[in-house]
Amino acid sequence: MRYIGFMKNIQPIKRLSLREEVYVHLKNAILSLELKPEERLHDKDLAEKFGISRTPVREALKRLEDEGLIEAMPGSSTRVAPLKVEEAYQAFTVVAALHALAARIAVPLLRENDIKELKIQNQRLKSSMVEKNIIAAIEADEGFHLVFLTVAGNQELLKALERSTSKIRRLEMAQFGSLKGINSVLQHEQIIQACIDKDSEKAALLTEKNWLSLGELLIQQ
């Protein structure tokens, strides 16, 4: 099975929250495409690799199923959910609106160090795109928008984003390398300037545009 290679370095889990540990490992593998869309998963094999019983594995798989990342097939078979482009595009509209809200809340609260962090992450994004390092580029993009989410400090906003973001992350991993990332870098620069000007409405509109334009580029691939 292909996913066994991904698991070769995993050691038996010794923490109390076994279900959470398994969930995090599997979710990261699915979002990074280490576990491929439509790849079969078997709780017995996974439990053996994690060095735990099948119960926490099944609980983690059920949680991932609830999030739409895996599917239970007839005959008790489980697989990673296929990429659904239209569903991902719809999720982009939700993610864009939520990130715009975060920017609107955060901009009046931003400090000099926050502006500096935005610039650092945007430079990381630019460098990663030049180097064609997809994972680093996505991480830099996440780091940029995380500044607003952190400063906004709204836990409900974070919870609302979690499910929708999971639906778009795999599409980003599959397509991000073919995008013209310089567009996002330039949009980020405009957002930073709006932050410097303390123009929360402009920053929010630019942030929403940034996410929606990325979604459109991904769907066109």
Protein backbone atom coordinates (compact mmCIF):
# COMPACT_ATOMS: atom_id res chain seq x y z
CA MET A 1 0.00 0.00 0.00
CA ARG A 2 1.37 3.39 -0.98
CA TYR A 3 0.56 5.12 2.31
CA ILE A 4 2.78 2.73 4.24
CA GLY A 5 5.84 4.59 2.95
CA PHE A 6 4.52 7.81 4.45
CA MET A 7 4.15 6.08 7.80
CA LYS A 8 7.62 4.50 7.95
CA ASN A 9 9.01 7.06 10.42
CA ILE A 10 6.01 7.12 12.75
CA GLN A 11 6.68 5.83 16.25
CA PRO A 12 4.06 4.37 18.60
CA ILE A 13 1.97 7.16 20.09
CA LYS A 14 2.27 7.48 23.86
CA ARG A 15 0.15 10.55 24.55
CA LEU A 16 -3.28 10.25 26.13
CA SER A 17 -5.25 11.74 23.23
CA LEU A 18 -4.63 8.98 20.73
CA ARG A 19 -7.58 9.90 18.55
CA GLU A 20 -6.35 13.50 18.24
CA GLU A 21 -2.80 12.40 17.39
CA VAL A 22 -3.99 10.01 14.69
CA TYR A 23 -6.39 12.62 13.35
CA VAL A 24 -3.63 15.24 13.01
CA HIS A 25 -1.21 12.82 11.30
CA LEU A 26 -3.80 11.60 8.81
CA LYS A 27 -5.24 15.02 8.09
CA ASN A 28 -1.80 16.46 7.36
CA ALA A 29 -1.06 13.53 5.06
CA ILE A 30 -4.33 14.04 3.19
CA LEU A 31 -3.98 17.81 2.83
CA SER A 32 -0.38 17.53 1.64
CA LEU A 33 -1.41 14.83 -0.87
CA GLU A 34 0.92 12.27 0.70
CA LEU A 35 -2.28 10.26 0.93
CA LYS A 36 -3.67 10.55 -2.60
CA PRO A 37 -7.28 11.28 -3.54
CA GLU A 38 -9.26 8.01 -3.71
CA GLU A 39 -6.47 6.08 -1.95
CA ARG A 40 -7.79 3.22 0.18
CA LEU A 41 -7.35 3.30 3.95
CA HIS A 42 -7.55 0.31 6.29
CA ASP A 43 -7.94 0.89 10.02
CA LYS A 44 -6.14 -2.35 10.90
CA ASP A 45 -3.01 -1.40 8.92
CA LEU A 46 -3.06 2.15 10.25
CA ALA A 47 -3.43 0.93 13.83
CA GLU A 48 -0.43 -1.36 13.41
CA LYS A 49 1.71 1.46 12.03
CA PHE A 50 0.73 3.82 14.85
CA GLY A 51 1.24 1.08 17.41
CA ILE A 52 -2.23 1.50 18.91
CA SER A 53 -5.62 -0.20 18.92
CA ARG A 54 -8.11 0.22 16.08
CA THR A 55 -10.59 2.22 18.18
CA PRO A 56 -8.81 5.63 18.12
CA VAL A 57 -8.02 5.11 14.44
CA ARG A 58 -11.68 4.53 13.67
CA GLU A 59 -12.63 7.60 15.71
CA ALA A 60 -10.10 9.72 13.81
CA LEU A 61 -11.36 8.38 10.48
CA LYS A 62 -14.94 9.19 11.46
CA ARG A 63 -13.92 12.78 12.25
CA LEU A 64 -12.17 13.08 8.89
CA GLU A 65 -15.27 11.67 7.22
CA ASP A 66 -17.39 14.32 8.92
CA GLU A 67 -15.04 16.95 7.48
CA GLY A 68 -15.41 15.51 4.00
CA LEU A 69 -11.78 14.43 3.68
CA ILE A 70 -12.45 10.69 3.54
CA GLU A 71 -15.38 8.60 2.35
CA ALA A 72 -16.82 5.37 3.72
CA MET A 73 -17.52 3.09 0.76
CA PRO A 74 -19.96 0.15 0.54
CA GLY A 75 -18.55 -2.99 2.12
CA SER A 76 -16.80 -1.18 4.98
CA SER A 77 -14.05 0.18 2.72
CA THR A 78 -12.68 3.68 3.36
CA ARG A 79 -10.85 5.95 0.95
CA VAL A 80 -9.47 9.47 0.76
CA ALA A 81 -12.16 11.67 -0.77
CA PRO A 82 -11.61 12.57 -4.44
CA LEU A 83 -10.82 16.17 -5.34
CA LYS A 84 -14.06 18.01 -6.02
CA VAL A 85 -13.20 21.18 -7.89
CA GLU A 86 -16.65 22.76 -7.79
CA GLU A 87 -16.97 22.13 -4.05
CA ALA A 88 -13.53 23.65 -3.50
CA TYR A 89 -14.45 26.71 -5.53
CA GLN A 90 -17.56 27.23 -3.43
CA ALA A 91 -15.42 26.91 -0.32
CA PHE A 92 -13.14 29.65 -1.65
CA THR A 93 -16.01 32.16 -1.52
CA VAL A 94 -16.59 31.33 2.15
CA VAL A 95 -12.87 31.43 2.98
CA ALA A 96 -12.50 34.75 1.18
CA ALA A 97 -15.33 36.34 3.15
CA LEU A 98 -14.01 35.06 6.47
CA HIS A 99 -10.47 36.26 5.83
CA ALA A 100 -11.86 39.64 4.79
CA LEU A 101 -13.69 39.81 8.12
CA ALA A 102 -10.46 38.96 9.96
CA ALA A 103 -8.66 41.79 8.14
CA ARG A 104 -11.46 44.23 8.92
CA ILE A 105 -11.24 43.40 12.62
CA ALA A 106 -7.45 43.26 12.78
CA VAL A 107 -6.29 46.32 10.85
CA PRO A 108 -7.10 48.90 13.58
CA LEU A 109 -5.21 46.70 16.06
CA LEU A 110 -2.07 46.04 14.00
CA ARG A 111 1.26 47.11 15.46
CA GLU A 112 4.60 47.78 13.82
CA ASN A 113 5.77 44.20 14.43
CA ASP A 114 2.63 42.87 12.74
CA ILE A 115 3.29 44.96 9.62
CA LYS A 116 6.86 43.70 9.64
CA GLU A 117 5.64 40.10 9.82
CA LEU A 118 3.31 40.67 6.85
CA LYS A 119 6.27 41.91 4.81
CA ILE A 120 8.44 38.97 5.88
CA GLN A 121 5.82 36.39 4.91
CA ASN A 122 5.19 38.08 1.58
CA GLN A 123 8.90 38.04 0.80
CA ARG A 124 8.96 34.34 1.72
CA LEU A 125 6.09 33.78 -0.71
CA LYS A 126 7.93 35.58 -3.49
CA SER A 127 11.16 33.65 -2.89
CA SER A 128 9.33 30.32 -2.68
CA MET A 129 7.56 30.92 -5.98
CA VAL A 130 10.88 31.75 -7.65
CA GLU A 131 12.33 28.54 -6.24
CA LYS A 132 9.16 26.63 -7.19
CA ASN A 133 8.84 25.36 -3.63
CA ILE A 134 5.10 24.73 -3.45
CA ILE A 135 4.90 23.78 0.21
CA ALA A 136 6.97 26.76 1.32
CA ALA A 137 4.86 29.08 -0.84
CA ILE A 138 1.62 27.82 0.67
CA GLU A 139 3.08 28.07 4.18
CA ALA A 140 4.17 31.67 3.50
CA ASP A 141 0.72 32.54 2.19
CA GLU A 142 -0.84 30.99 5.29
CA GLY A 143 1.63 32.89 7.47
CA PHE A 144 0.64 36.17 5.84
CA HIS A 145 -3.07 35.73 6.52
CA LEU A 146 -2.41 34.24 9.94
CA VAL A 147 -1.24 37.67 11.09
CA PHE A 148 -4.78 39.00 10.68
CA LEU A 149 -6.37 35.95 12.26
CA THR A 150 -4.05 36.14 15.27
CA VAL A 151 -4.54 39.86 15.84
CA ALA A 152 -8.32 39.57 15.36
CA GLY A 153 -8.35 36.97 18.13
CA ASN A 154 -11.77 35.58 17.23
CA GLN A 155 -11.97 31.85 17.99
CA GLU A 156 -15.31 31.42 16.25
CA LEU A 157 -13.79 32.80 13.09
CA LEU A 158 -10.99 30.25 13.30
CA LYS A 159 -13.45 27.40 13.81
CA ALA A 160 -15.53 28.52 10.83
CA LEU A 161 -12.42 28.65 8.64
CA GLU A 162 -11.10 25.22 9.58
CA ARG A 163 -13.62 23.11 7.69
CA SER A 164 -13.71 25.25 4.55
CA THR A 165 -9.93 25.58 4.40
CA SER A 166 -9.55 21.79 4.44
CA LYS A 167 -11.59 21.60 1.24
CA ILE A 168 -9.29 23.94 -0.66
CA ARG A 169 -5.89 22.91 0.69
CA ARG A 170 -5.54 19.77 -1.44
CA LEU A 171 -6.48 21.70 -4.58
CA GLU A 172 -3.80 24.25 -3.71
CA MET A 173 -1.23 21.49 -3.28
CA ALA A 174 -2.22 19.96 -6.62
CA GLN A 175 -2.26 23.20 -8.61
CA PHE A 176 -0.31 25.89 -6.74
CA GLY A 177 2.95 25.21 -8.53
CA SER A 178 1.44 26.13 -11.89
CA LEU A 179 0.06 29.46 -10.71
CA LYS A 180 1.56 32.87 -11.37
CA GLY A 181 2.23 33.56 -7.72
CA ILE A 182 3.56 37.03 -8.45
CA ASN A 183 -0.09 38.16 -8.67
CA SER A 184 -0.66 37.17 -5.06
CA VAL A 185 2.59 38.85 -3.99
CA LEU A 186 1.48 42.12 -5.58
CA GLN A 187 -1.96 41.85 -4.00
CA HIS A 188 -0.34 41.28 -0.62
CA GLU A 189 1.70 44.44 -1.11
CA GLN A 190 -1.51 46.38 -1.67
CA ILE A 191 -3.01 44.85 1.46
CA ILE A 192 0.07 45.83 3.47
CA GLN A 193 -0.21 49.42 2.26
CA ALA A 194 -3.88 49.51 3.29
CA CYS A 195 -2.80 48.26 6.72
CA ILE A 196 -0.18 50.99 6.99
CA ASP A 197 -2.87 53.52 6.06
CA LYS A 198 -5.18 51.99 8.71
CA ASP A 199 -7.83 51.56 6.02
CA SER A 200 -9.63 48.47 7.31
CA GLU A 201 -12.34 48.47 4.64
CA LYS A 202 -9.82 48.61 1.79
CA ALA A 203 -7.71 45.91 3.42
CA ALA A 204 -10.79 43.70 3.78
CA LEU A 205 -11.83 44.18 0.15
CA LEU A 206 -8.31 43.50 -1.10
CA THR A 207 -8.05 40.39 1.08
CA GLU A 208 -11.31 39.02 -0.27
CA LYS A 209 -10.16 39.74 -3.82
CA ASN A 210 -6.86 37.99 -3.10
CA TRP A 211 -8.59 34.76 -2.07
CA LEU A 212 -11.21 34.85 -4.83
CA SER A 213 -8.61 35.44 -7.55
CA LEU A 214 -6.57 32.50 -6.24
CA GLY A 215 -9.69 30.34 -6.36
CA GLU A 216 -10.37 31.37 -9.96
CA LEU A 217 -6.80 30.57 -10.99
CA LEU A 218 -6.97 27.15 -9.35
CA ILE A 219 -10.23 26.25 -11.06
CA GLN A 220 -8.89 27.28 -14.46
CA GLN A 221 -5.95 24.86 -14.25
